[in-house]
mmCIF file of all heavy atoms, coordinates in Angstrom:
data_MODEL
# 
_entry.id   MODEL 
# 
loop_
_atom_site.group_PDB 
_atom_site.id 
_atom_site.type_symbol 
_atom_site.label_atom_id 
_atom_site.label_alt_id 
_atom_site.label_comp_id 
_atom_site.label_asym_id 
_atom_site.label_entity_id 
_atom_site.label_seq_id 
_atom_site.pdbx_PDB_ins_code 
_atom_site.Cartn_x 
_atom_site.Cartn_y 
_atom_site.Cartn_z 
_atom_site.occupancy 
_atom_site.B_iso_or_equiv 
_atom_site.pdbx_formal_charge 
_atom_site.auth_seq_id 
_atom_site.auth_comp_id 
_atom_site.auth_asym_id 
_atom_site.auth_atom_id 
_atom_site.pdbx_PDB_model_num 
ATOM 1   N N   . ALA A 1 1  ? 57.921 39.504 -55.658 1.00 0.00 ? 1  ALA A N   1 
ATOM 2   C CA  . ALA A 1 1  ? 57.185 40.340 -56.606 1.00 0.00 ? 1  ALA A CA  1 
ATOM 3   C C   . ALA A 1 1  ? 55.750 39.860 -56.686 1.00 0.00 ? 1  ALA A C   1 
ATOM 4   O O   . ALA A 1 1  ? 55.470 38.686 -56.427 1.00 0.00 ? 1  ALA A O   1 
ATOM 5   C CB  . ALA A 1 1  ? 57.832 40.293 -57.988 1.00 0.00 ? 1  ALA A CB  1 
ATOM 6   N N   . ALA A 1 2  ? 54.852 40.769 -57.059 1.00 0.00 ? 2  ALA A N   1 
ATOM 7   C CA  . ALA A 1 2  ? 53.442 40.420 -57.229 1.00 0.00 ? 2  ALA A CA  1 
ATOM 8   C C   . ALA A 1 2  ? 52.874 41.214 -58.396 1.00 0.00 ? 2  ALA A C   1 
ATOM 9   O O   . ALA A 1 2  ? 53.399 42.268 -58.770 1.00 0.00 ? 2  ALA A O   1 
ATOM 10  C CB  . ALA A 1 2  ? 52.648 40.698 -55.949 1.00 0.00 ? 2  ALA A CB  1 
ATOM 11  N N   . ILE A 1 3  ? 51.778 40.690 -58.924 1.00 0.00 ? 3  ILE A N   1 
ATOM 12  C CA  . ILE A 1 3  ? 51.119 41.343 -60.052 1.00 0.00 ? 3  ILE A CA  1 
ATOM 13  C C   . ILE A 1 3  ? 49.616 41.194 -59.889 1.00 0.00 ? 3  ILE A C   1 
ATOM 14  O O   . ILE A 1 3  ? 49.120 40.136 -59.504 1.00 0.00 ? 3  ILE A O   1 
ATOM 15  C CB  . ILE A 1 3  ? 51.618 40.745 -61.395 1.00 0.00 ? 3  ILE A CB  1 
ATOM 16  C CG1 . ILE A 1 3  ? 51.091 41.522 -62.591 1.00 0.00 ? 3  ILE A CG1 1 
ATOM 17  C CG2 . ILE A 1 3  ? 51.275 39.257 -61.498 1.00 0.00 ? 3  ILE A CG2 1 
ATOM 18  C CD1 . ILE A 1 3  ? 51.803 41.177 -63.898 1.00 0.00 ? 3  ILE A CD1 1 
ATOM 19  N N   . SER A 1 4  ? 48.891 42.268 -60.156 1.00 0.00 ? 4  SER A N   1 
ATOM 20  C CA  . SER A 1 4  ? 47.435 42.230 -60.064 1.00 0.00 ? 4  SER A CA  1 
ATOM 21  C C   . SER A 1 4  ? 46.860 41.357 -61.165 1.00 0.00 ? 4  SER A C   1 
ATOM 22  O O   . SER A 1 4  ? 47.550 41.000 -62.117 1.00 0.00 ? 4  SER A O   1 
ATOM 23  C CB  . SER A 1 4  ? 46.878 43.647 -60.163 1.00 0.00 ? 4  SER A CB  1 
ATOM 24  O OG  . SER A 1 4  ? 47.199 44.203 -61.436 1.00 0.00 ? 4  SER A OG  1 
ATOM 25  N N   . TRP A 1 5  ? 45.570 41.041 -61.045 1.00 0.00 ? 5  TRP A N   1 
ATOM 26  C CA  . TRP A 1 5  ? 44.999 40.093 -61.992 1.00 0.00 ? 5  TRP A CA  1 
ATOM 27  C C   . TRP A 1 5  ? 44.936 40.657 -63.409 1.00 0.00 ? 5  TRP A C   1 
ATOM 28  O O   . TRP A 1 5  ? 45.011 39.904 -64.379 1.00 0.00 ? 5  TRP A O   1 
ATOM 29  C CB  . TRP A 1 5  ? 43.614 39.642 -61.538 1.00 0.00 ? 5  TRP A CB  1 
ATOM 30  C CG  . TRP A 1 5  ? 42.514 40.629 -61.732 1.00 0.00 ? 5  TRP A CG  1 
ATOM 31  C CD1 . TRP A 1 5  ? 42.151 41.640 -60.893 1.00 0.00 ? 5  TRP A CD1 1 
ATOM 32  C CD2 . TRP A 1 5  ? 41.591 40.679 -62.823 1.00 0.00 ? 5  TRP A CD2 1 
ATOM 33  N NE1 . TRP A 1 5  ? 41.079 42.327 -61.400 1.00 0.00 ? 5  TRP A NE1 1 
ATOM 34  C CE2 . TRP A 1 5  ? 40.708 41.756 -62.584 1.00 0.00 ? 5  TRP A CE2 1 
ATOM 35  C CE3 . TRP A 1 5  ? 41.419 39.925 -63.993 1.00 0.00 ? 5  TRP A CE3 1 
ATOM 36  C CZ2 . TRP A 1 5  ? 39.678 42.080 -63.460 1.00 0.00 ? 5  TRP A CZ2 1 
ATOM 37  C CZ3 . TRP A 1 5  ? 40.395 40.249 -64.859 1.00 0.00 ? 5  TRP A CZ3 1 
ATOM 38  C CH2 . TRP A 1 5  ? 39.543 41.326 -64.584 1.00 0.00 ? 5  TRP A CH2 1 
ATOM 39  N N   . THR A 1 6  ? 44.867 41.984 -63.533 1.00 0.00 ? 6  THR A N   1 
ATOM 40  C CA  . THR A 1 6  ? 44.869 42.591 -64.864 1.00 0.00 ? 6  THR A CA  1 
ATOM 41  C C   . THR A 1 6  ? 46.279 42.782 -65.393 1.00 0.00 ? 6  THR A C   1 
ATOM 42  O O   . THR A 1 6  ? 46.465 43.033 -66.592 1.00 0.00 ? 6  THR A O   1 
ATOM 43  C CB  . THR A 1 6  ? 44.194 43.961 -64.830 1.00 0.00 ? 6  THR A CB  1 
ATOM 44  O OG1 . THR A 1 6  ? 44.963 44.832 -63.974 1.00 0.00 ? 6  THR A OG1 1 
ATOM 45  C CG2 . THR A 1 6  ? 42.762 43.851 -64.325 1.00 0.00 ? 6  THR A CG2 1 
ATOM 46  N N   . GLY A 1 7  ? 47.251 42.712 -64.503 1.00 0.00 ? 7  GLY A N   1 
ATOM 47  C CA  . GLY A 1 7  ? 48.625 42.997 -64.901 1.00 0.00 ? 7  GLY A CA  1 
ATOM 48  C C   . GLY A 1 7  ? 48.980 44.471 -64.829 1.00 0.00 ? 7  GLY A C   1 
ATOM 49  O O   . GLY A 1 7  ? 50.124 44.846 -65.076 1.00 0.00 ? 7  GLY A O   1 
ATOM 50  N N   . ALA A 1 8  ? 48.013 45.303 -64.458 1.00 0.00 ? 8  ALA A N   1 
ATOM 51  C CA  . ALA A 1 8  ? 48.239 46.746 -64.462 1.00 0.00 ? 8  ALA A CA  1 
ATOM 52  C C   . ALA A 1 8  ? 49.128 47.200 -63.314 1.00 0.00 ? 8  ALA A C   1 
ATOM 53  O O   . ALA A 1 8  ? 49.808 48.219 -63.411 1.00 0.00 ? 8  ALA A O   1 
ATOM 54  C CB  . ALA A 1 8  ? 46.906 47.477 -64.401 1.00 0.00 ? 8  ALA A CB  1 
ATOM 55  N N   . ASN A 1 9  ? 49.097 46.448 -62.216 1.00 0.00 ? 9  ASN A N   1 
ATOM 56  C CA  . ASN A 1 9  ? 49.863 46.835 -61.034 1.00 0.00 ? 9  ASN A CA  1 
ATOM 57  C C   . ASN A 1 9  ? 50.887 45.760 -60.679 1.00 0.00 ? 9  ASN A C   1 
ATOM 58  O O   . ASN A 1 9  ? 50.550 44.576 -60.644 1.00 0.00 ? 9  ASN A O   1 
ATOM 59  C CB  . ASN A 1 9  ? 48.932 47.056 -59.847 1.00 0.00 ? 9  ASN A CB  1 
ATOM 60  C CG  . ASN A 1 9  ? 47.944 48.174 -60.099 1.00 0.00 ? 9  ASN A CG  1 
ATOM 61  O OD1 . ASN A 1 9  ? 48.345 49.290 -60.414 1.00 0.00 ? 9  ASN A OD1 1 
ATOM 62  N ND2 . ASN A 1 9  ? 46.676 47.872 -59.998 1.00 0.00 ? 9  ASN A ND2 1 
ATOM 63  N N   . THR A 1 10 ? 52.099 46.187 -60.436 1.00 0.00 ? 10 THR A N   1 
ATOM 64  C CA  . THR A 1 10 ? 53.159 45.281 -60.018 1.00 0.00 ? 10 THR A CA  1 
ATOM 65  C C   . THR A 1 10 ? 53.822 45.809 -58.758 1.00 0.00 ? 10 THR A C   1 
ATOM 66  O O   . THR A 1 10 ? 53.812 47.016 -58.493 1.00 0.00 ? 10 THR A O   1 
ATOM 67  C CB  . THR A 1 10 ? 54.221 45.097 -61.110 1.00 0.00 ? 10 THR A CB  1 
ATOM 68  O OG1 . THR A 1 10 ? 54.746 46.380 -61.476 1.00 0.00 ? 10 THR A OG1 1 
ATOM 69  C CG2 . THR A 1 10 ? 53.633 44.427 -62.346 1.00 0.00 ? 10 THR A CG2 1 
ATOM 70  N N   . TYR A 1 11 ? 54.364 44.899 -57.986 1.00 0.00 ? 11 TYR A N   1 
ATOM 71  C CA  . TYR A 1 11 ? 54.978 45.227 -56.706 1.00 0.00 ? 11 TYR A CA  1 
ATOM 72  C C   . TYR A 1 11 ? 56.280 44.428 -56.600 1.00 0.00 ? 11 TYR A C   1 
ATOM 73  O O   . TYR A 1 11 ? 56.330 43.272 -57.015 1.00 0.00 ? 11 TYR A O   1 
ATOM 74  C CB  . TYR A 1 11 ? 54.041 44.830 -55.552 1.00 0.00 ? 11 TYR A CB  1 
ATOM 75  C CG  . TYR A 1 11 ? 52.619 45.299 -55.739 1.00 0.00 ? 11 TYR A CG  1 
ATOM 76  C CD1 . TYR A 1 11 ? 51.708 44.542 -56.474 1.00 0.00 ? 11 TYR A CD1 1 
ATOM 77  C CD2 . TYR A 1 11 ? 52.179 46.498 -55.184 1.00 0.00 ? 11 TYR A CD2 1 
ATOM 78  C CE1 . TYR A 1 11 ? 50.407 44.963 -56.658 1.00 0.00 ? 11 TYR A CE1 1 
ATOM 79  C CE2 . TYR A 1 11 ? 50.872 46.926 -55.359 1.00 0.00 ? 11 TYR A CE2 1 
ATOM 80  C CZ  . TYR A 1 11 ? 49.994 46.150 -56.104 1.00 0.00 ? 11 TYR A CZ  1 
ATOM 81  O OH  . TYR A 1 11 ? 48.703 46.579 -56.292 1.00 0.00 ? 11 TYR A OH  1 
ATOM 82  N N   . TYR A 1 12 ? 57.294 45.056 -56.020 1.00 0.00 ? 12 TYR A N   1 
ATOM 83  C CA  . TYR A 1 12 ? 58.593 44.398 -55.917 1.00 0.00 ? 12 TYR A CA  1 
ATOM 84  C C   . TYR A 1 12 ? 59.216 44.624 -54.547 1.00 0.00 ? 12 TYR A C   1 
ATOM 85  O O   . TYR A 1 12 ? 59.040 45.684 -53.940 1.00 0.00 ? 12 TYR A O   1 
ATOM 86  C CB  . TYR A 1 12 ? 59.561 44.937 -56.974 1.00 0.00 ? 12 TYR A CB  1 
ATOM 87  C CG  . TYR A 1 12 ? 59.147 44.627 -58.386 1.00 0.00 ? 12 TYR A CG  1 
ATOM 88  C CD1 . TYR A 1 12 ? 58.418 45.530 -59.145 1.00 0.00 ? 12 TYR A CD1 1 
ATOM 89  C CD2 . TYR A 1 12 ? 59.478 43.399 -58.966 1.00 0.00 ? 12 TYR A CD2 1 
ATOM 90  C CE1 . TYR A 1 12 ? 58.021 45.239 -60.432 1.00 0.00 ? 12 TYR A CE1 1 
ATOM 91  C CE2 . TYR A 1 12 ? 59.087 43.093 -60.266 1.00 0.00 ? 12 TYR A CE2 1 
ATOM 92  C CZ  . TYR A 1 12 ? 58.359 44.019 -60.988 1.00 0.00 ? 12 TYR A CZ  1 
ATOM 93  O OH  . TYR A 1 12 ? 57.972 43.715 -62.275 1.00 0.00 ? 12 TYR A OH  1 
ATOM 94  N N   . ALA A 1 13 ? 59.961 43.641 -54.103 1.00 0.00 ? 13 ALA A N   1 
ATOM 95  C CA  . ALA A 1 13 ? 60.796 43.839 -52.927 1.00 0.00 ? 13 ALA A CA  1 
ATOM 96  C C   . ALA A 1 13 ? 61.935 44.781 -53.314 1.00 0.00 ? 13 ALA A C   1 
ATOM 97  O O   . ALA A 1 13 ? 62.399 44.762 -54.461 1.00 0.00 ? 13 ALA A O   1 
ATOM 98  C CB  . ALA A 1 13 ? 61.362 42.497 -52.466 1.00 0.00 ? 13 ALA A CB  1 
ATOM 99  N N   . ASP A 1 14 ? 62.376 45.578 -52.374 1.00 0.00 ? 14 ASP A N   1 
ATOM 100 C CA  . ASP A 1 14 ? 63.454 46.530 -52.656 1.00 0.00 ? 14 ASP A CA  1 
ATOM 101 C C   . ASP A 1 14 ? 64.703 45.827 -53.175 1.00 0.00 ? 14 ASP A C   1 
ATOM 102 O O   . ASP A 1 14 ? 65.430 46.362 -54.004 1.00 0.00 ? 14 ASP A O   1 
ATOM 103 C CB  . ASP A 1 14 ? 63.796 47.321 -51.397 1.00 0.00 ? 14 ASP A CB  1 
ATOM 104 C CG  . ASP A 1 14 ? 62.701 48.321 -51.035 1.00 0.00 ? 14 ASP A CG  1 
ATOM 105 O OD1 . ASP A 1 14 ? 61.868 48.638 -51.906 1.00 0.00 ? 14 ASP A OD1 1 
ATOM 106 O OD2 . ASP A 1 14 ? 62.695 48.781 -49.880 1.00 0.00 ? 14 ASP A OD2 1 
ATOM 107 N N   . SER A 1 15 ? 64.949 44.635 -52.682 1.00 0.00 ? 15 SER A N   1 
ATOM 108 C CA  . SER A 1 15 ? 66.173 43.917 -53.038 1.00 0.00 ? 15 SER A CA  1 
ATOM 109 C C   . SER A 1 15 ? 66.221 43.474 -54.490 1.00 0.00 ? 15 SER A C   1 
ATOM 110 O O   . SER A 1 15 ? 67.305 43.151 -55.007 1.00 0.00 ? 15 SER A O   1 
ATOM 111 C CB  . SER A 1 15 ? 66.350 42.706 -52.127 1.00 0.00 ? 15 SER A CB  1 
ATOM 112 O OG  . SER A 1 15 ? 65.229 41.841 -52.244 1.00 0.00 ? 15 SER A OG  1 
ATOM 113 N N   . VAL A 1 16 ? 65.061 43.440 -55.154 1.00 0.00 ? 16 VAL A N   1 
ATOM 114 C CA  . VAL A 1 16 ? 65.037 42.961 -56.550 1.00 0.00 ? 16 VAL A CA  1 
ATOM 115 C C   . VAL A 1 16 ? 64.571 44.036 -57.527 1.00 0.00 ? 16 VAL A C   1 
ATOM 116 O O   . VAL A 1 16 ? 64.623 43.820 -58.747 1.00 0.00 ? 16 VAL A O   1 
ATOM 117 C CB  . VAL A 1 16 ? 64.149 41.708 -56.708 1.00 0.00 ? 16 VAL A CB  1 
ATOM 118 C CG1 . VAL A 1 16 ? 64.564 40.623 -55.717 1.00 0.00 ? 16 VAL A CG1 1 
ATOM 119 C CG2 . VAL A 1 16 ? 62.671 42.044 -56.560 1.00 0.00 ? 16 VAL A CG2 1 
ATOM 120 N N   . LYS A 1 17 ? 64.138 45.167 -57.000 1.00 0.00 ? 17 LYS A N   1 
ATOM 121 C CA  . LYS A 1 17 ? 63.614 46.230 -57.854 1.00 0.00 ? 17 LYS A CA  1 
ATOM 122 C C   . LYS A 1 17 ? 64.672 46.667 -58.856 1.00 0.00 ? 17 LYS A C   1 
ATOM 123 O O   . LYS A 1 17 ? 65.817 46.906 -58.501 1.00 0.00 ? 17 LYS A O   1 
ATOM 124 C CB  . LYS A 1 17 ? 63.175 47.400 -56.981 1.00 0.00 ? 17 LYS A CB  1 
ATOM 125 C CG  . LYS A 1 17 ? 62.206 48.356 -57.649 1.00 0.00 ? 17 LYS A CG  1 
ATOM 126 C CD  . LYS A 1 17 ? 61.701 49.376 -56.643 1.00 0.00 ? 17 LYS A CD  1 
ATOM 127 C CE  . LYS A 1 17 ? 60.861 48.748 -55.555 1.00 0.00 ? 17 LYS A CE  1 
ATOM 128 N NZ  . LYS A 1 17 ? 60.296 49.741 -54.619 1.00 0.00 ? 17 LYS A NZ  1 
ATOM 129 N N   . GLY A 1 18 ? 64.275 46.754 -60.120 1.00 0.00 ? 18 GLY A N   1 
ATOM 130 C CA  . GLY A 1 18 ? 65.198 47.145 -61.175 1.00 0.00 ? 18 GLY A CA  1 
ATOM 131 C C   . GLY A 1 18 ? 65.939 45.985 -61.804 1.00 0.00 ? 18 GLY A C   1 
ATOM 132 O O   . GLY A 1 18 ? 66.551 46.132 -62.865 1.00 0.00 ? 18 GLY A O   1 
ATOM 133 N N   . ARG A 1 19 ? 65.888 44.823 -61.154 1.00 0.00 ? 19 ARG A N   1 
ATOM 134 C CA  . ARG A 1 19 ? 66.559 43.626 -61.706 1.00 0.00 ? 19 ARG A CA  1 
ATOM 135 C C   . ARG A 1 19 ? 65.567 42.559 -62.132 1.00 0.00 ? 19 ARG A C   1 
ATOM 136 O O   . ARG A 1 19 ? 65.801 41.825 -63.091 1.00 0.00 ? 19 ARG A O   1 
ATOM 137 C CB  . ARG A 1 19 ? 67.510 43.029 -60.664 1.00 0.00 ? 19 ARG A CB  1 
ATOM 138 C CG  . ARG A 1 19 ? 68.623 43.956 -60.232 1.00 0.00 ? 19 ARG A CG  1 
ATOM 139 C CD  . ARG A 1 19 ? 69.638 43.226 -59.347 1.00 0.00 ? 19 ARG A CD  1 
ATOM 140 N NE  . ARG A 1 19 ? 69.054 42.725 -58.122 1.00 0.00 ? 19 ARG A NE  1 
ATOM 141 C CZ  . ARG A 1 19 ? 69.092 41.451 -57.729 1.00 0.00 ? 19 ARG A CZ  1 
ATOM 142 N NH1 . ARG A 1 19 ? 69.693 40.536 -58.495 1.00 0.00 ? 19 ARG A NH1 1 
ATOM 143 N NH2 . ARG A 1 19 ? 68.545 41.080 -56.579 1.00 0.00 ? 19 ARG A NH2 1 
ATOM 144 N N   . PHE A 1 20 ? 64.465 42.434 -61.384 1.00 0.00 ? 20 PHE A N   1 
ATOM 145 C CA  . PHE A 1 20 ? 63.461 41.415 -61.660 1.00 0.00 ? 20 PHE A CA  1 
ATOM 146 C C   . PHE A 1 20 ? 62.215 42.067 -62.255 1.00 0.00 ? 20 PHE A C   1 
ATOM 147 O O   . PHE A 1 20 ? 61.860 43.190 -61.896 1.00 0.00 ? 20 PHE A O   1 
ATOM 148 C CB  . PHE A 1 20 ? 63.048 40.691 -60.379 1.00 0.00 ? 20 PHE A CB  1 
ATOM 149 C CG  . PHE A 1 20 ? 64.110 39.798 -59.784 1.00 0.00 ? 20 PHE A CG  1 
ATOM 150 C CD1 . PHE A 1 20 ? 65.425 39.827 -60.213 1.00 0.00 ? 20 PHE A CD1 1 
ATOM 151 C CD2 . PHE A 1 20 ? 63.777 38.937 -58.742 1.00 0.00 ? 20 PHE A CD2 1 
ATOM 152 C CE1 . PHE A 1 20 ? 66.382 39.008 -59.645 1.00 0.00 ? 20 PHE A CE1 1 
ATOM 153 C CE2 . PHE A 1 20 ? 64.723 38.120 -58.166 1.00 0.00 ? 20 PHE A CE2 1 
ATOM 154 C CZ  . PHE A 1 20 ? 66.029 38.162 -58.627 1.00 0.00 ? 20 PHE A CZ  1 
ATOM 155 N N   . THR A 1 21 ? 61.546 41.321 -63.131 1.00 0.00 ? 21 THR A N   1 
ATOM 156 C CA  . THR A 1 21 ? 60.299 41.796 -63.722 1.00 0.00 ? 21 THR A CA  1 
ATOM 157 C C   . THR A 1 21 ? 59.273 40.672 -63.701 1.00 0.00 ? 21 THR A C   1 
ATOM 158 O O   . THR A 1 21 ? 59.544 39.569 -64.180 1.00 0.00 ? 21 THR A O   1 
ATOM 159 C CB  . THR A 1 21 ? 60.507 42.251 -65.173 1.00 0.00 ? 21 THR A CB  1 
ATOM 160 O OG1 . THR A 1 21 ? 61.502 43.277 -65.213 1.00 0.00 ? 21 THR A OG1 1 
ATOM 161 C CG2 . THR A 1 21 ? 59.201 42.788 -65.750 1.00 0.00 ? 21 THR A CG2 1 
ATOM 162 N N   . ILE A 1 22 ? 58.107 40.970 -63.139 1.00 0.00 ? 22 ILE A N   1 
ATOM 163 C CA  . ILE A 1 22 ? 57.027 40.004 -63.119 1.00 0.00 ? 22 ILE A CA  1 
ATOM 164 C C   . ILE A 1 22 ? 56.048 40.333 -64.238 1.00 0.00 ? 22 ILE A C   1 
ATOM 165 O O   . ILE A 1 22 ? 55.779 41.498 -64.525 1.00 0.00 ? 22 ILE A O   1 
ATOM 166 C CB  . ILE A 1 22 ? 56.330 39.980 -61.736 1.00 0.00 ? 22 ILE A CB  1 
ATOM 167 C CG1 . ILE A 1 22 ? 55.356 38.812 -61.633 1.00 0.00 ? 22 ILE A CG1 1 
ATOM 168 C CG2 . ILE A 1 22 ? 55.639 41.312 -61.438 1.00 0.00 ? 22 ILE A CG2 1 
ATOM 169 C CD1 . ILE A 1 22 ? 54.810 38.597 -60.216 1.00 0.00 ? 22 ILE A CD1 1 
ATOM 170 N N   . SER A 1 23 ? 55.518 39.289 -64.863 1.00 0.00 ? 23 SER A N   1 
ATOM 171 C CA  . SER A 1 23 ? 54.542 39.480 -65.941 1.00 0.00 ? 23 SER A CA  1 
ATOM 172 C C   . SER A 1 23 ? 53.588 38.296 -65.939 1.00 0.00 ? 23 SER A C   1 
ATOM 173 O O   . SER A 1 23 ? 53.877 37.256 -65.325 1.00 0.00 ? 23 SER A O   1 
ATOM 174 C CB  . SER A 1 23 ? 55.258 39.602 -67.289 1.00 0.00 ? 23 SER A CB  1 
ATOM 175 O OG  . SER A 1 23 ? 55.992 38.424 -67.579 1.00 0.00 ? 23 SER A OG  1 
ATOM 176 N N   . ARG A 1 24 ? 52.479 38.451 -66.632 1.00 0.00 ? 24 ARG A N   1 
ATOM 177 C CA  . ARG A 1 24 ? 51.513 37.352 -66.676 1.00 0.00 ? 24 ARG A CA  1 
ATOM 178 C C   . ARG A 1 24 ? 50.864 37.286 -68.047 1.00 0.00 ? 24 ARG A C   1 
ATOM 179 O O   . ARG A 1 24 ? 50.797 38.277 -68.777 1.00 0.00 ? 24 ARG A O   1 
ATOM 180 C CB  . ARG A 1 24 ? 50.460 37.518 -65.587 1.00 0.00 ? 24 ARG A CB  1 
ATOM 181 C CG  . ARG A 1 24 ? 49.549 38.700 -65.734 1.00 0.00 ? 24 ARG A CG  1 
ATOM 182 C CD  . ARG A 1 24 ? 48.649 38.837 -64.507 1.00 0.00 ? 24 ARG A CD  1 
ATOM 183 N NE  . ARG A 1 24 ? 47.759 37.689 -64.374 1.00 0.00 ? 24 ARG A NE  1 
ATOM 184 C CZ  . ARG A 1 24 ? 47.192 37.324 -63.210 1.00 0.00 ? 24 ARG A CZ  1 
ATOM 185 N NH1 . ARG A 1 24 ? 47.448 38.010 -62.116 1.00 0.00 ? 24 ARG A NH1 1 
ATOM 186 N NH2 . ARG A 1 24 ? 46.381 36.293 -63.164 1.00 0.00 ? 24 ARG A NH2 1 
# 
């Protein structure tokens, strides 16, 4: 998973989408 510096954009691998959440 990844998150932009503002937190506005997040990206996930298909294998974790819907189960994992990234935040900052």
